[in-house]
Amino acid sequence: MKKALILAAVLFTIGLKSSFAQTVTNPDIESTDSPTSTITKIETDQQYTVVSFRHYAGSDNAWAVLNREIYIQTDVDNKHYGYVKSEGIAVAPETRNTLKKTNDKLEFKVYFKKIPANTKSIDIIERAGKRNDGITYFNFYNVDVIHSSPGDKGVKITNVELLPPPPVNGTGQPLDGANMLANAMGGMGPMYTSMVKSLLDAQFTYYQQPGKIAEIAKLNKEYFDALTKEGFTNDQALKIITSNSIIPKSASINGQ
């Protein structure tokens, strides 16, 4: 009787492992070599691990094709769980799928050999290594196969306007070059006034430090004496000090 119970428990455990099934939607992806693609679902049943992809055209007349060499590698072992079949996408060297317009969508599934039940993350590799010819492959790294995400992680290509639209006048018409320059200069006036005020405030704060005026006066007197000692007249020395101060204005402003 005891042997029968043990045998039943073993068979039950084997049955659980063989019937392992799991579905993850919108899994987190650490990185990818295909920025216009995403994974919408990963299903593992008794036979396969099925990965559903969504791919967007990055330009007009873009194309997509799948290589049979694509495989899954797990965090459990170093085995390659290879391609079995696919749906919704051409397989090389068959005819390519052509997407006529930017943002056109292609959804497809790839069936792989079943991954281990204790897998937590996978890499999907169509072709390893970087390329310099602009061709991208369906390579996804560190894909979470345990947790689902609530939202669609679809990737869409949008046309980004790099330059702002031209300013308009009161009539709603674009400003011409002269008016644009005048408008820009007018806008700089308040900014320039604020900047000058800040510089003057910094100077006043600097001079108000205890003993600072006496220190500057002493330094200028030593400068004056040195000039006269070298042969300059009093008037010449005074003119040099007033026109070319030994203390630059920038230094006094910065408090150095």
Protein backbone atom coordinates (compact mmCIF):
# COMPACT_ATOMS: atom_id res chain seq x y z
CA MET A 1 0.00 0.00 0.00
CA LYS A 2 2.80 2.39 0.90
CA LYS A 3 4.59 1.69 -2.41
CA ALA A 4 1.38 2.37 -4.29
CA LEU A 5 0.99 5.77 -2.58
CA ILE A 6 4.59 6.71 -3.41
CA LEU A 7 4.10 5.65 -7.02
CA ALA A 8 0.91 7.67 -7.22
CA ALA A 9 2.67 10.74 -5.82
CA VAL A 10 5.49 10.40 -8.34
CA LEU A 11 3.06 10.01 -11.21
CA PHE A 12 1.08 13.00 -9.96
CA THR A 13 4.24 15.12 -9.84
CA ILE A 14 5.22 14.06 -13.34
CA GLY A 15 1.74 14.85 -14.52
CA LEU A 16 1.95 18.35 -13.04
CA LYS A 17 5.25 19.00 -14.78
CA SER A 18 4.03 17.72 -18.12
CA SER A 19 0.84 19.78 -17.88
CA PHE A 20 2.64 22.99 -16.90
CA ALA A 21 1.03 25.95 -18.65
CA GLN A 22 1.57 29.66 -18.19
CA THR A 23 0.62 32.86 -20.00
CA VAL A 24 2.32 36.23 -19.55
CA THR A 25 1.04 39.34 -21.30
CA ASN A 26 3.07 42.46 -22.10
CA PRO A 27 6.20 41.18 -20.36
CA ASP A 28 8.95 43.53 -19.27
CA ILE A 29 11.90 43.59 -21.68
CA GLU A 30 15.26 44.85 -20.44
CA SER A 31 16.61 45.64 -23.91
CA THR A 32 16.09 44.85 -27.58
CA ASP A 33 17.87 45.19 -30.91
CA SER A 34 14.54 45.85 -32.63
CA PRO A 35 13.22 49.18 -31.27
CA THR A 36 10.11 49.05 -33.48
CA SER A 37 9.03 45.68 -32.09
CA THR A 38 7.60 44.42 -28.83
CA ILE A 39 6.36 41.18 -27.26
CA THR A 40 2.66 41.07 -26.43
CA LYS A 41 2.35 37.57 -24.99
CA ILE A 42 4.35 34.49 -23.99
CA GLU A 43 2.43 31.22 -23.61
CA THR A 44 3.88 27.92 -22.44
CA ASP A 45 1.71 24.83 -22.76
CA GLN A 46 2.29 21.08 -22.87
CA GLN A 47 4.14 21.27 -26.21
CA TYR A 48 5.50 24.70 -27.00
CA THR A 49 6.49 28.10 -25.78
CA VAL A 50 4.66 30.52 -28.05
CA VAL A 51 5.81 34.13 -28.32
CA SER A 52 3.51 36.73 -29.86
CA PHE A 53 5.20 39.75 -31.43
CA ARG A 54 3.99 43.12 -32.65
CA HIS A 55 6.17 44.92 -35.17
CA TYR A 56 5.70 48.45 -36.56
CA ALA A 57 7.04 49.82 -39.80
CA GLY A 58 9.75 52.39 -39.16
CA SER A 59 9.31 53.91 -42.62
CA ASP A 60 7.25 53.60 -45.77
CA ASN A 61 7.75 50.35 -47.70
CA ALA A 62 9.50 48.67 -44.78
CA TRP A 63 9.84 44.90 -44.73
CA ALA A 64 10.03 42.13 -42.18
CA VAL A 65 11.15 38.50 -42.38
CA LEU A 66 11.98 35.84 -39.80
CA ASN A 67 14.99 33.51 -39.77
CA ARG A 68 14.46 29.90 -38.74
CA GLU A 69 17.62 30.11 -36.66
CA ILE A 70 15.76 32.12 -33.99
CA TYR A 71 15.84 30.49 -30.55
CA ILE A 72 15.16 31.02 -26.85
CA GLN A 73 17.80 30.82 -24.15
CA THR A 74 16.70 30.73 -20.50
CA ASP A 75 18.16 31.69 -17.15
CA VAL A 76 17.94 28.03 -16.14
CA ASP A 77 20.49 26.52 -18.52
CA ASN A 78 22.55 27.20 -21.64
CA LYS A 79 20.36 25.16 -23.98
CA HIS A 80 18.83 26.65 -27.11
CA TYR A 81 15.09 26.08 -27.40
CA GLY A 82 14.73 26.30 -31.13
CA TYR A 83 12.18 27.39 -33.72
CA VAL A 84 9.33 25.01 -34.50
CA LYS A 85 6.94 27.04 -36.65
CA SER A 86 5.51 30.52 -37.02
CA GLU A 87 2.30 32.28 -38.01
CA GLY A 88 1.76 35.66 -39.64
CA ILE A 89 5.28 36.38 -40.88
CA ALA A 90 7.33 35.28 -43.88
CA VAL A 91 10.26 33.00 -43.13
CA ALA A 92 13.54 33.47 -44.96
CA PRO A 93 14.19 32.87 -47.79
CA GLU A 94 10.47 33.22 -48.56
CA THR A 95 8.83 36.44 -49.74
CA ARG A 96 9.14 39.27 -47.27
CA ASN A 97 6.25 40.95 -45.50
CA THR A 98 6.00 44.51 -46.80
CA LEU A 99 4.52 47.29 -44.70
CA LYS A 100 3.55 50.15 -47.00
CA LYS A 101 3.20 53.01 -44.53
CA THR A 102 5.09 54.17 -41.45
CA ASN A 103 3.40 52.75 -38.31
CA ASP A 104 1.76 49.90 -40.23
CA LYS A 105 1.51 46.96 -37.85
CA LEU A 106 2.50 43.31 -38.26
CA GLU A 107 1.47 40.79 -35.60
CA PHE A 108 2.86 37.29 -35.64
CA LYS A 109 3.60 34.25 -33.47
CA VAL A 110 6.65 32.05 -33.18
CA TYR A 111 6.46 28.56 -31.69
CA PHE A 112 9.57 27.36 -29.86
CA LYS A 113 10.44 24.15 -28.09
CA LYS A 114 9.02 24.22 -24.58
CA ILE A 115 11.16 25.99 -21.99
CA PRO A 116 11.62 24.63 -18.40
CA ALA A 117 8.82 25.27 -15.91
CA ASN A 118 11.15 27.07 -13.50
CA THR A 119 12.28 29.67 -16.06
CA LYS A 120 12.12 33.26 -14.83
CA SER A 121 13.58 35.15 -17.78
CA ILE A 122 14.57 34.46 -21.36
CA ASP A 123 16.57 35.88 -24.24
CA ILE A 124 15.11 35.59 -27.73
CA ILE A 125 17.86 35.63 -30.32
CA GLU A 126 17.26 35.71 -34.07
CA ARG A 127 20.86 36.56 -34.87
CA ALA A 128 23.50 37.37 -32.30
CA GLY A 129 26.02 40.18 -32.72
CA LYS A 130 25.86 43.78 -33.84
CA ARG A 131 25.58 44.89 -37.46
CA ASN A 132 26.58 48.10 -39.20
CA ASP A 133 24.34 47.82 -42.26
CA GLY A 134 21.16 49.09 -40.57
CA ILE A 135 19.42 45.69 -40.53
CA THR A 136 17.89 44.79 -37.17
CA TYR A 137 16.91 41.40 -35.84
CA PHE A 138 14.28 40.19 -33.40
CA ASN A 139 16.66 40.02 -30.45
CA PHE A 140 15.17 40.57 -26.99
CA TYR A 141 17.12 40.32 -23.77
CA ASN A 142 16.08 39.48 -20.20
CA VAL A 143 12.38 39.10 -20.94
CA ASP A 144 10.29 38.45 -17.82
CA VAL A 145 8.20 35.26 -18.20
CA ILE A 146 6.62 35.39 -14.73
CA HIS A 147 4.91 38.76 -14.41
CA SER A 148 2.31 40.30 -16.69
CA SER A 149 2.02 44.05 -17.19
CA PRO A 150 -1.37 45.73 -17.37
CA GLY A 151 -0.76 48.01 -20.35
CA ASP A 152 0.10 47.47 -23.99
CA LYS A 153 3.83 48.04 -24.51
CA GLY A 154 3.40 48.69 -28.21
CA VAL A 155 6.01 50.80 -29.95
CA LYS A 156 4.94 53.34 -32.52
CA ILE A 157 7.04 55.49 -34.79
CA THR A 158 6.01 59.12 -34.73
CA ASN A 159 7.12 62.01 -36.88
CA VAL A 160 9.00 64.37 -34.58
CA GLU A 161 8.97 68.06 -35.54
CA LEU A 162 12.51 69.20 -34.80
CA LEU A 163 11.92 72.92 -35.46
CA PRO A 164 9.16 75.02 -33.85
CA PRO A 165 6.64 76.70 -36.14
CA PRO A 166 7.43 80.32 -37.10
CA PRO A 167 6.02 82.97 -34.77
CA VAL A 168 2.91 84.79 -35.93
CA ASN A 169 1.82 88.40 -35.63
CA GLY A 170 -1.56 89.70 -34.55
CA THR A 171 -3.10 88.84 -37.91
CA GLY A 172 -2.14 85.19 -37.60
CA GLN A 173 0.41 85.47 -40.43
CA PRO A 174 4.04 84.35 -40.06
CA LEU A 175 6.47 87.15 -39.24
CA ASP A 176 9.03 88.15 -41.85
CA GLY A 177 12.76 88.19 -41.10
CA ALA A 178 12.93 91.82 -39.93
CA ASN A 179 9.94 91.49 -37.65
CA MET A 180 11.27 88.23 -36.25
CA LEU A 181 14.58 89.93 -35.36
CA ALA A 182 12.80 92.89 -33.79
CA ASN A 183 10.56 90.56 -31.84
CA ALA A 184 13.57 88.60 -30.58
CA MET A 185 15.45 91.75 -29.55
CA GLY A 186 12.39 93.07 -27.78
CA GLY A 187 12.13 89.86 -25.82
CA MET A 188 15.78 90.15 -24.73
CA GLY A 189 15.31 93.59 -23.13
CA PRO A 190 13.78 92.43 -19.83
CA MET A 191 16.28 89.56 -19.60
CA TYR A 192 19.24 91.95 -20.08
CA THR A 193 17.87 94.39 -17.46
CA SER A 194 17.50 91.57 -14.96
CA MET A 195 21.05 90.37 -15.64
CA VAL A 196 22.57 93.86 -15.12
CA LYS A 197 20.65 94.29 -11.88
CA SER A 198 21.95 90.96 -10.61
CA LEU A 199 25.54 91.97 -11.41
CA LEU A 200 25.19 95.32 -9.61
CA ASP A 201 23.65 93.65 -6.57
CA ALA A 202 26.59 91.23 -6.49
CA GLN A 203 29.05 94.14 -6.59
CA PHE A 204 27.32 95.97 -3.75
CA THR A 205 27.28 92.80 -1.65
CA TYR A 206 31.00 92.33 -2.28
CA TYR A 207 31.96 95.88 -1.28
CA GLN A 208 29.82 95.71 1.86
CA GLN A 209 31.98 92.97 3.35
CA PRO A 210 33.77 94.19 6.53
CA GLY A 211 37.15 95.76 5.71
CA LYS A 212 36.79 95.20 1.98
CA ILE A 213 36.82 98.93 1.00
CA ALA A 214 39.94 99.54 3.12
CA GLU A 215 41.61 96.51 1.54
CA ILE A 216 40.90 97.80 -1.97
CA ALA A 217 42.07 101.32 -1.06
CA LYS A 218 45.33 99.97 0.34
CA LEU A 219 45.93 97.87 -2.77
CA ASN A 220 45.28 100.86 -5.07
CA LYS A 221 47.62 103.06 -3.00
CA GLU A 222 50.39 100.46 -3.32
CA TYR A 223 49.69 100.30 -7.07
CA PHE A 224 49.91 104.13 -7.32
CA ASP A 225 53.18 104.24 -5.36
CA ALA A 226 54.70 101.52 -7.54
CA LEU A 227 53.81 103.42 -10.73
CA THR A 228 55.32 106.69 -9.50
CA LYS A 229 58.41 104.85 -8.31
CA GLU A 230 58.89 103.51 -11.85
CA GLY A 231 58.88 107.08 -13.22
CA PHE A 232 55.25 107.83 -13.99
CA THR A 233 53.96 111.26 -12.97
CA ASN A 234 51.16 111.52 -10.45
CA ASP A 235 48.66 112.36 -13.22
CA GLN A 236 49.84 109.42 -15.35
CA ALA A 237 49.69 107.01 -12.43
CA LEU A 238 46.17 108.22 -11.50
CA LYS A 239 44.99 107.80 -15.09
CA ILE A 240 46.38 104.25 -15.25
CA ILE A 241 44.65 103.28 -12.02
CA THR A 242 41.28 104.70 -13.08
CA SER A 243 41.34 103.33 -16.62
CA ASN A 244 43.02 99.98 -15.94
CA SER A 245 42.26 98.97 -12.37
CA ILE A 246 44.42 96.32 -10.80
CA ILE A 247 41.19 94.68 -9.60
CA PRO A 248 39.09 93.56 -12.59
CA LYS A 249 35.40 94.19 -12.36
CA SER A 250 34.67 90.53 -12.92
CA ALA A 251 36.74 89.65 -9.86
CA SER A 252 34.87 92.04 -7.62
CA ILE A 253 31.56 90.73 -8.91
CA ASN A 254 32.49 87.11 -8.26
CA GLY A 255 33.82 87.93 -4.81
CA GLN A 256 37.31 86.62 -5.57
